Amino acid sequence: MNFRPDTVLGEGRCGRVFKGWVDEETLVPSKPGVGMPVAVKLSNPVDLLGLKEWQAVVEFLAKFSHPNLVKLLGYCWEDEQFLLILEYMERGSLETHLFGKVGDPIPWDTRLNIATGAAQGLTFLHTMEKQVIYRDFKASNILLDGLSDFGLATWGPADGDTHVTTSIIGTYGYADPEYIATGHLYVKSDVYSFGVVLLELLTGLRVVDMNRTKGAHNLVDWAKPSLVNKRKLTRIMDPRLENQYPPKAAFQAAVVVLNCLESDPRSRPPMEEVLVTLQHINSIKMNPKESKASKKYPARLPSPQP
């Protein structure tokens, strides 16, 4: 496949994603800039993992339709090349906007909307008649219009089982420690990963960053003690928010994070409960007094190591 280098949108475990163009009605390929933009995921040739991920995406996205899931427009397997034609998300991933140096900082309301939209996507998957475990929920897989990359998704437990025993695949920092330790994958393994992403949204920090000060390399370990105290929480909130957020809402979101990060999967809330809580938190607005006070006392975060 001869894609131009300047059309590359990103690169994942098993291949690259390119920007292409198709006719809006027939989905036939068209010239650049003509018709509807699409994302074309091209898996590496003769790659067993790439083939499995391609099959997983086709299996899941071809069956599901939801506003918070990226749409699969087409797929192709030809000459050991595996292609997926996906809905193009112009605004890119949460990872790019939250941790990148492009654009303005994400405001509080938008962060909550992103978290709520992602929760809606996971809730849909978890509450289907045959549950789906996303398995690789992370900031880079949250496009600002929906969840993407179902390459590692799998069916949930059946016949009264509590978990699925499977090979350990995921992203360090986001993956459920119980799953990493035992290979037991729970529906609530996704809930743990969601808690990590919500923590990243609160702090503006990556879950793992070896350039941070000693003791803060792992965001979960470093931030957990501050999530239980309103005053300590203000010290770890993203300073780019300039304290323009309702303290009550931030603390309630911190409680959601703590609940999602419970070590025992059985103690974590189901995603539908998380979704309802986030929708409530989203209704909490700042009052004028909080807005004035926030400008006087900016938050502080640990500085990077030299």
Protein backbone atom coordinates (compact mmCIF):
# COMPACT_ATOMS: atom_id res chain seq x y z
CA MET A 1 0.00 0.00 0.00
CA ASN A 2 1.48 3.29 -1.10
CA PHE A 3 0.45 5.88 1.49
CA ARG A 4 2.31 9.18 1.51
CA PRO A 5 4.46 9.85 4.60
CA ASP A 6 2.66 13.14 5.22
CA THR A 7 -0.66 11.32 5.69
CA VAL A 8 0.48 9.37 8.78
CA LEU A 9 -1.80 10.07 11.77
CA GLY A 10 -0.08 7.79 14.24
CA GLU A 11 1.55 4.44 14.89
CA GLY A 12 0.49 1.67 17.25
CA ARG A 13 1.59 -1.80 18.30
CA CYS A 14 0.87 -3.45 14.97
CA GLY A 15 0.99 -0.79 12.29
CA ARG A 16 0.35 2.76 11.20
CA VAL A 17 -2.79 4.84 10.80
CA PHE A 18 -3.10 7.05 7.72
CA LYS A 19 -5.53 9.76 6.67
CA GLY A 20 -7.40 8.94 3.50
CA TRP A 21 -10.42 10.14 1.54
CA VAL A 22 -13.46 8.30 0.22
CA ASP A 23 -16.68 9.18 -1.56
CA GLU A 24 -19.33 9.92 1.09
CA GLU A 25 -22.00 7.74 -0.55
CA THR A 26 -20.11 4.84 -2.13
CA LEU A 27 -17.02 4.84 0.18
CA VAL A 28 -14.89 4.40 -2.96
CA PRO A 29 -11.36 5.87 -2.52
CA SER A 30 -11.01 9.42 -3.81
CA LYS A 31 -8.31 12.03 -4.24
CA PRO A 32 -6.85 13.80 -1.16
CA GLY A 33 -9.18 16.58 -0.05
CA VAL A 34 -12.12 15.23 -2.03
CA GLY A 35 -15.06 13.58 -0.28
CA MET A 36 -15.01 12.34 3.33
CA PRO A 37 -11.81 11.98 5.37
CA VAL A 38 -11.25 8.58 6.98
CA ALA A 39 -8.62 6.92 9.14
CA VAL A 40 -7.00 3.91 7.49
CA LYS A 41 -5.29 1.50 9.88
CA LEU A 42 -2.75 -0.67 8.09
CA SER A 43 -1.45 -3.60 10.13
CA ASN A 44 2.05 -4.92 9.59
CA PRO A 45 2.18 -7.72 7.00
CA VAL A 46 2.79 -11.30 8.22
CA ASP A 47 2.23 -10.26 11.83
CA LEU A 48 0.18 -12.74 13.89
CA LEU A 49 -0.64 -10.17 16.57
CA GLY A 50 -1.62 -7.67 13.89
CA LEU A 51 -3.97 -10.25 12.34
CA LYS A 52 -5.57 -11.01 15.73
CA GLU A 53 -6.11 -7.33 16.48
CA TRP A 54 -7.56 -6.77 13.00
CA GLN A 55 -9.96 -9.66 13.53
CA ALA A 56 -10.95 -8.33 16.97
CA VAL A 57 -11.76 -4.87 15.63
CA VAL A 58 -13.83 -6.32 12.79
CA GLU A 59 -15.63 -8.68 15.17
CA PHE A 60 -16.58 -6.01 17.68
CA LEU A 61 -17.04 -2.78 15.73
CA ALA A 62 -18.95 -4.49 12.94
CA LYS A 63 -21.57 -5.54 15.51
CA PHE A 64 -21.83 -2.42 17.66
CA SER A 65 -23.14 1.05 17.00
CA HIS A 66 -22.98 3.70 19.68
CA PRO A 67 -22.31 7.47 19.66
CA ASN A 68 -19.28 6.96 21.93
CA LEU A 69 -17.63 4.26 19.83
CA VAL A 70 -15.68 4.95 16.66
CA LYS A 71 -17.47 3.66 13.56
CA LEU A 72 -15.99 0.93 11.37
CA LEU A 73 -16.69 1.96 7.78
CA GLY A 74 -14.97 -0.95 6.04
CA TYR A 75 -12.17 -3.49 6.13
CA CYS A 76 -9.96 -5.42 3.74
CA TRP A 77 -7.56 -8.39 3.86
CA GLU A 78 -5.52 -8.70 0.70
CA ASP A 79 -1.98 -9.94 0.00
CA GLU A 80 -1.23 -10.27 3.72
CA GLN A 81 -2.23 -6.63 4.27
CA PHE A 82 -4.91 -5.96 6.88
CA LEU A 83 -6.78 -2.67 6.50
CA LEU A 84 -9.45 -1.03 8.61
CA ILE A 85 -11.36 2.01 7.39
CA LEU A 86 -12.49 3.96 10.44
CA GLU A 87 -14.35 7.15 11.17
CA TYR A 88 -11.88 10.05 11.13
CA MET A 89 -11.70 12.07 14.34
CA GLU A 90 -10.27 15.45 13.45
CA ARG A 91 -9.64 16.53 17.04
CA GLY A 92 -7.34 13.60 17.79
CA SER A 93 -6.81 11.79 21.07
CA LEU A 94 -7.12 12.84 24.68
CA GLU A 95 -3.44 12.02 25.11
CA THR A 96 -2.45 14.59 22.50
CA HIS A 97 -4.51 17.38 24.04
CA LEU A 98 -3.89 16.60 27.71
CA PHE A 99 -0.14 15.98 27.53
CA GLY A 100 0.87 17.62 24.27
CA LYS A 101 2.07 21.17 23.85
CA VAL A 102 -0.46 22.13 21.22
CA GLY A 103 -3.56 24.23 21.76
CA ASP A 104 -5.02 25.65 24.93
CA PRO A 105 -5.31 23.67 28.18
CA ILE A 106 -8.48 21.59 28.43
CA PRO A 107 -10.97 23.40 30.71
CA TRP A 108 -12.70 21.65 33.59
CA ASP A 109 -16.11 21.26 31.96
CA THR A 110 -14.55 19.72 28.85
CA ARG A 111 -12.55 17.25 30.94
CA LEU A 112 -15.69 16.10 32.68
CA ASN A 113 -17.51 15.81 29.36
CA ILE A 114 -14.68 13.67 27.99
CA ALA A 115 -14.76 11.42 31.06
CA THR A 116 -18.55 11.15 30.86
CA GLY A 117 -18.48 10.28 27.16
CA ALA A 118 -15.85 7.59 27.73
CA ALA A 119 -17.89 6.22 30.63
CA GLN A 120 -20.92 6.04 28.34
CA GLY A 121 -18.91 3.97 25.85
CA LEU A 122 -17.67 1.54 28.50
CA THR A 123 -21.12 1.30 30.09
CA PHE A 124 -22.57 0.33 26.73
CA LEU A 125 -20.00 -2.44 26.32
CA HIS A 126 -20.38 -3.71 29.89
CA THR A 127 -24.17 -3.82 29.92
CA MET A 128 -24.73 -5.67 26.65
CA GLU A 129 -26.34 -9.11 26.84
CA LYS A 130 -22.90 -10.53 26.09
CA GLN A 131 -20.48 -8.23 27.90
CA VAL A 132 -17.36 -6.86 26.23
CA ILE A 133 -14.16 -6.04 28.12
CA TYR A 134 -12.27 -3.24 26.38
CA ARG A 135 -8.96 -4.28 28.04
CA ASP A 136 -6.77 -1.40 26.82
CA PHE A 137 -8.57 1.71 28.03
CA LYS A 138 -6.12 4.64 28.09
CA ALA A 139 -5.78 8.28 27.08
CA SER A 140 -4.44 7.53 23.60
CA ASN A 141 -7.47 5.35 22.83
CA ILE A 142 -9.94 8.07 23.75
CA LEU A 143 -10.57 10.12 20.65
CA LEU A 144 -12.42 13.30 21.42
CA ASP A 145 -15.51 11.92 19.73
CA GLY A 146 -15.42 8.31 20.97
CA LEU A 147 -13.43 5.21 21.97
CA SER A 148 -11.11 3.72 19.38
CA ASP A 149 -8.82 0.69 18.91
CA PHE A 150 -10.72 -2.45 19.84
CA GLY A 151 -7.72 -4.62 18.97
CA LEU A 152 -7.43 -6.02 22.50
CA ALA A 153 -11.13 -6.18 23.35
CA THR A 154 -12.53 -9.55 24.40
CA TRP A 155 -15.84 -11.06 25.42
CA GLY A 156 -16.63 -10.94 29.12
CA PRO A 157 -17.13 -13.96 31.41
CA ALA A 158 -20.03 -16.31 30.74
CA ASP A 159 -21.87 -19.17 32.44
CA GLY A 160 -21.67 -17.56 35.87
CA ASP A 161 -17.89 -17.05 35.80
CA THR A 162 -16.48 -13.93 37.44
CA HIS A 163 -13.54 -13.46 35.09
CA VAL A 164 -11.83 -14.54 31.89
CA THR A 165 -8.40 -16.14 32.09
CA THR A 166 -6.32 -14.81 29.23
CA SER A 167 -2.83 -13.83 28.17
CA ILE A 168 -1.67 -10.63 29.86
CA ILE A 169 -1.81 -7.80 27.35
CA GLY A 170 -2.27 -4.14 28.14
CA THR A 171 -0.48 -0.89 28.85
CA TYR A 172 1.68 -0.50 31.94
CA GLY A 173 0.14 1.91 34.43
CA TYR A 174 -3.38 1.57 33.05
CA ALA A 175 -3.78 -2.19 33.42
CA ASP A 176 -5.52 -3.69 36.46
CA PRO A 177 -2.85 -5.00 38.90
CA GLU A 178 -5.04 -8.05 39.62
CA TYR A 179 -5.03 -8.90 35.91
CA ILE A 180 -1.27 -8.38 35.65
CA ALA A 181 -0.63 -10.61 38.68
CA THR A 182 -3.02 -13.47 37.86
CA GLY A 183 -4.11 -13.25 34.22
CA HIS A 184 -7.70 -13.03 35.49
CA LEU A 185 -9.47 -10.39 33.43
CA TYR A 186 -12.64 -8.91 34.94
CA VAL A 187 -15.22 -6.57 33.47
CA LYS A 188 -14.13 -4.27 36.30
CA SER A 189 -10.56 -4.35 35.01
CA ASP A 190 -11.84 -1.64 32.65
CA VAL A 191 -13.12 0.26 35.69
CA TYR A 192 -9.60 0.37 37.14
CA SER A 193 -8.23 1.73 33.85
CA PHE A 194 -11.00 4.32 33.78
CA GLY A 195 -9.96 5.47 37.26
CA VAL A 196 -6.40 5.97 36.01
CA VAL A 197 -7.57 8.10 33.08
CA LEU A 198 -9.83 10.16 35.33
CA LEU A 199 -6.85 10.76 37.61
CA GLU A 200 -4.85 11.95 34.60
CA LEU A 201 -7.67 14.34 33.75
CA LEU A 202 -7.62 15.78 37.29
CA THR A 203 -3.85 16.17 37.54
CA GLY A 204 -2.81 16.71 33.93
CA LEU A 205 -0.04 14.17 34.53
CA ARG A 206 0.78 10.93 32.73
CA VAL A 207 0.26 7.77 34.74
CA VAL A 208 3.95 6.89 34.39
CA ASP A 209 6.71 9.45 33.93
CA MET A 210 10.27 8.72 35.02
CA ASN A 211 11.18 12.41 34.65
CA ARG A 212 9.09 13.41 37.65
CA THR A 213 10.55 13.76 41.12
CA LYS A 214 11.42 10.62 43.06
CA GLY A 215 8.28 9.09 44.51
CA ALA A 216 6.05 10.59 41.82
CA HIS A 217 7.09 8.36 38.92
CA ASN A 218 3.87 6.36 39.24
CA LEU A 219 0.91 8.72 39.35
CA VAL A 220 -1.45 6.31 41.13
CA ASP A 221 0.94 5.60 44.01
CA TRP A 222 1.88 9.25 44.38
CA ALA A 223 -1.59 10.77 44.15
CA LYS A 224 -3.68 8.30 46.16
CA PRO A 225 -2.92 9.81 49.61
CA SER A 226 -4.03 13.25 48.36
CA LEU A 227 -7.35 12.06 46.97
CA VAL A 228 -8.89 11.56 50.40
CA ASN A 229 -8.29 15.12 51.59
CA LYS A 230 -9.81 18.23 50.00
CA ARG A 231 -6.87 20.48 50.88
CA LYS A 232 -4.27 17.99 49.64
CA LEU A 233 -6.27 17.45 46.47
CA THR A 234 -5.85 21.10 45.45
CA ARG A 235 -2.06 20.58 45.50
CA ILE A 236 -2.16 17.88 42.83
CA MET A 237 -4.82 19.33 40.52
CA ASP A 238 -3.58 20.41 37.11
CA PRO A 239 -2.19 23.96 37.51
CA ARG A 240 -3.21 24.74 33.94
CA LEU A 241 -6.79 24.76 35.19
CA GLU A 242 -5.80 27.84 37.23
CA ASN A 243 -8.18 26.56 39.91
CA GLN A 244 -11.13 27.29 37.66
CA TYR A 245 -13.18 24.32 38.80
CA PRO A 246 -15.70 23.70 41.60
CA PRO A 247 -13.78 22.24 44.58
CA LYS A 248 -16.80 20.12 45.51
CA ALA A 249 -16.90 18.60 42.03
CA ALA A 250 -13.16 17.94 42.02
CA PHE A 251 -13.33 16.16 45.36
CA GLN A 252 -16.28 14.02 44.26
CA ALA A 253 -14.34 13.11 41.11
CA ALA A 254 -11.37 12.17 43.33
CA VAL A 255 -13.66 9.83 45.28
CA VAL A 256 -14.69 8.21 42.01
CA VAL A 257 -11.01 7.68 41.19
CA LEU A 258 -10.37 6.04 44.56
CA ASN A 259 -13.35 3.74 44.15
CA CYS A 260 -12.26 2.73 40.65
CA LEU A 261 -8.71 2.00 41.86
CA GLU A 262 -9.77 -0.43 44.61
CA SER A 263 -7.35 -3.38 44.61
CA ASP A 264 -10.17 -5.94 44.77
CA PRO A 265 -12.20 -5.83 41.51
CA ARG A 266 -15.35 -6.78 43.46
CA SER A 267 -15.06 -3.53 45.44
CA ARG A 268 -15.03 -1.33 42.34
CA PRO A 269 -18.29 0.25 41.18
CA PRO A 270 -19.85 -0.88 37.89
CA MET A 271 -19.41 1.55 35.00
CA GLU A 272 -23.11 2.44 34.97
CA GLU A 273 -22.76 3.68 38.56
CA VAL A 274 -19.62 5.63 37.66
CA LEU A 275 -21.49 7.20 34.75
CA VAL A 276 -24.40 8.35 36.91
CA THR A 277 -21.99 9.85 39.45
CA LEU A 278 -20.07 11.72 36.75
CA GLN A 279 -23.27 13.13 35.33
CA HIS A 280 -24.13 14.44 38.79
CA ILE A 281 -20.64 15.91 39.24
CA ASN A 282 -20.97 17.59 35.85
CA SER A 283 -23.97 19.53 37.16
CA ILE A 284 -21.92 21.16 39.95
CA LYS A 285 -20.84 24.67 38.98
CA MET A 286 -18.51 27.22 40.56
CA ASN A 287 -19.98 30.06 42.59
CA PRO A 288 -18.59 33.63 42.24
CA LYS A 289 -16.70 33.47 45.57
CA GLU A 290 -14.84 30.30 44.55
CA SER A 291 -13.94 31.86 41.20
CA LYS A 292 -12.32 34.90 42.87
CA ALA A 293 -10.50 32.89 45.54
CA SER A 294 -9.09 30.44 43.01
CA LYS A 295 -7.03 33.13 41.30
CA LYS A 296 -5.19 33.96 44.51
CA TYR A 297 -4.02 30.47 45.38
CA PRO A 298 -2.75 28.58 42.33
CA ALA A 299 -2.09 24.85 42.59
CA ARG A 300 1.42 23.41 42.61
CA LEU A 301 2.79 20.12 41.29
CA PRO A 302 6.12 18.35 41.82
CA SER A 303 8.74 19.75 39.50
CA PRO A 304 10.57 17.43 37.10
CA GLN A 305 14.01 16.13 37.92
CA PRO A 306 16.82 17.94 36.18
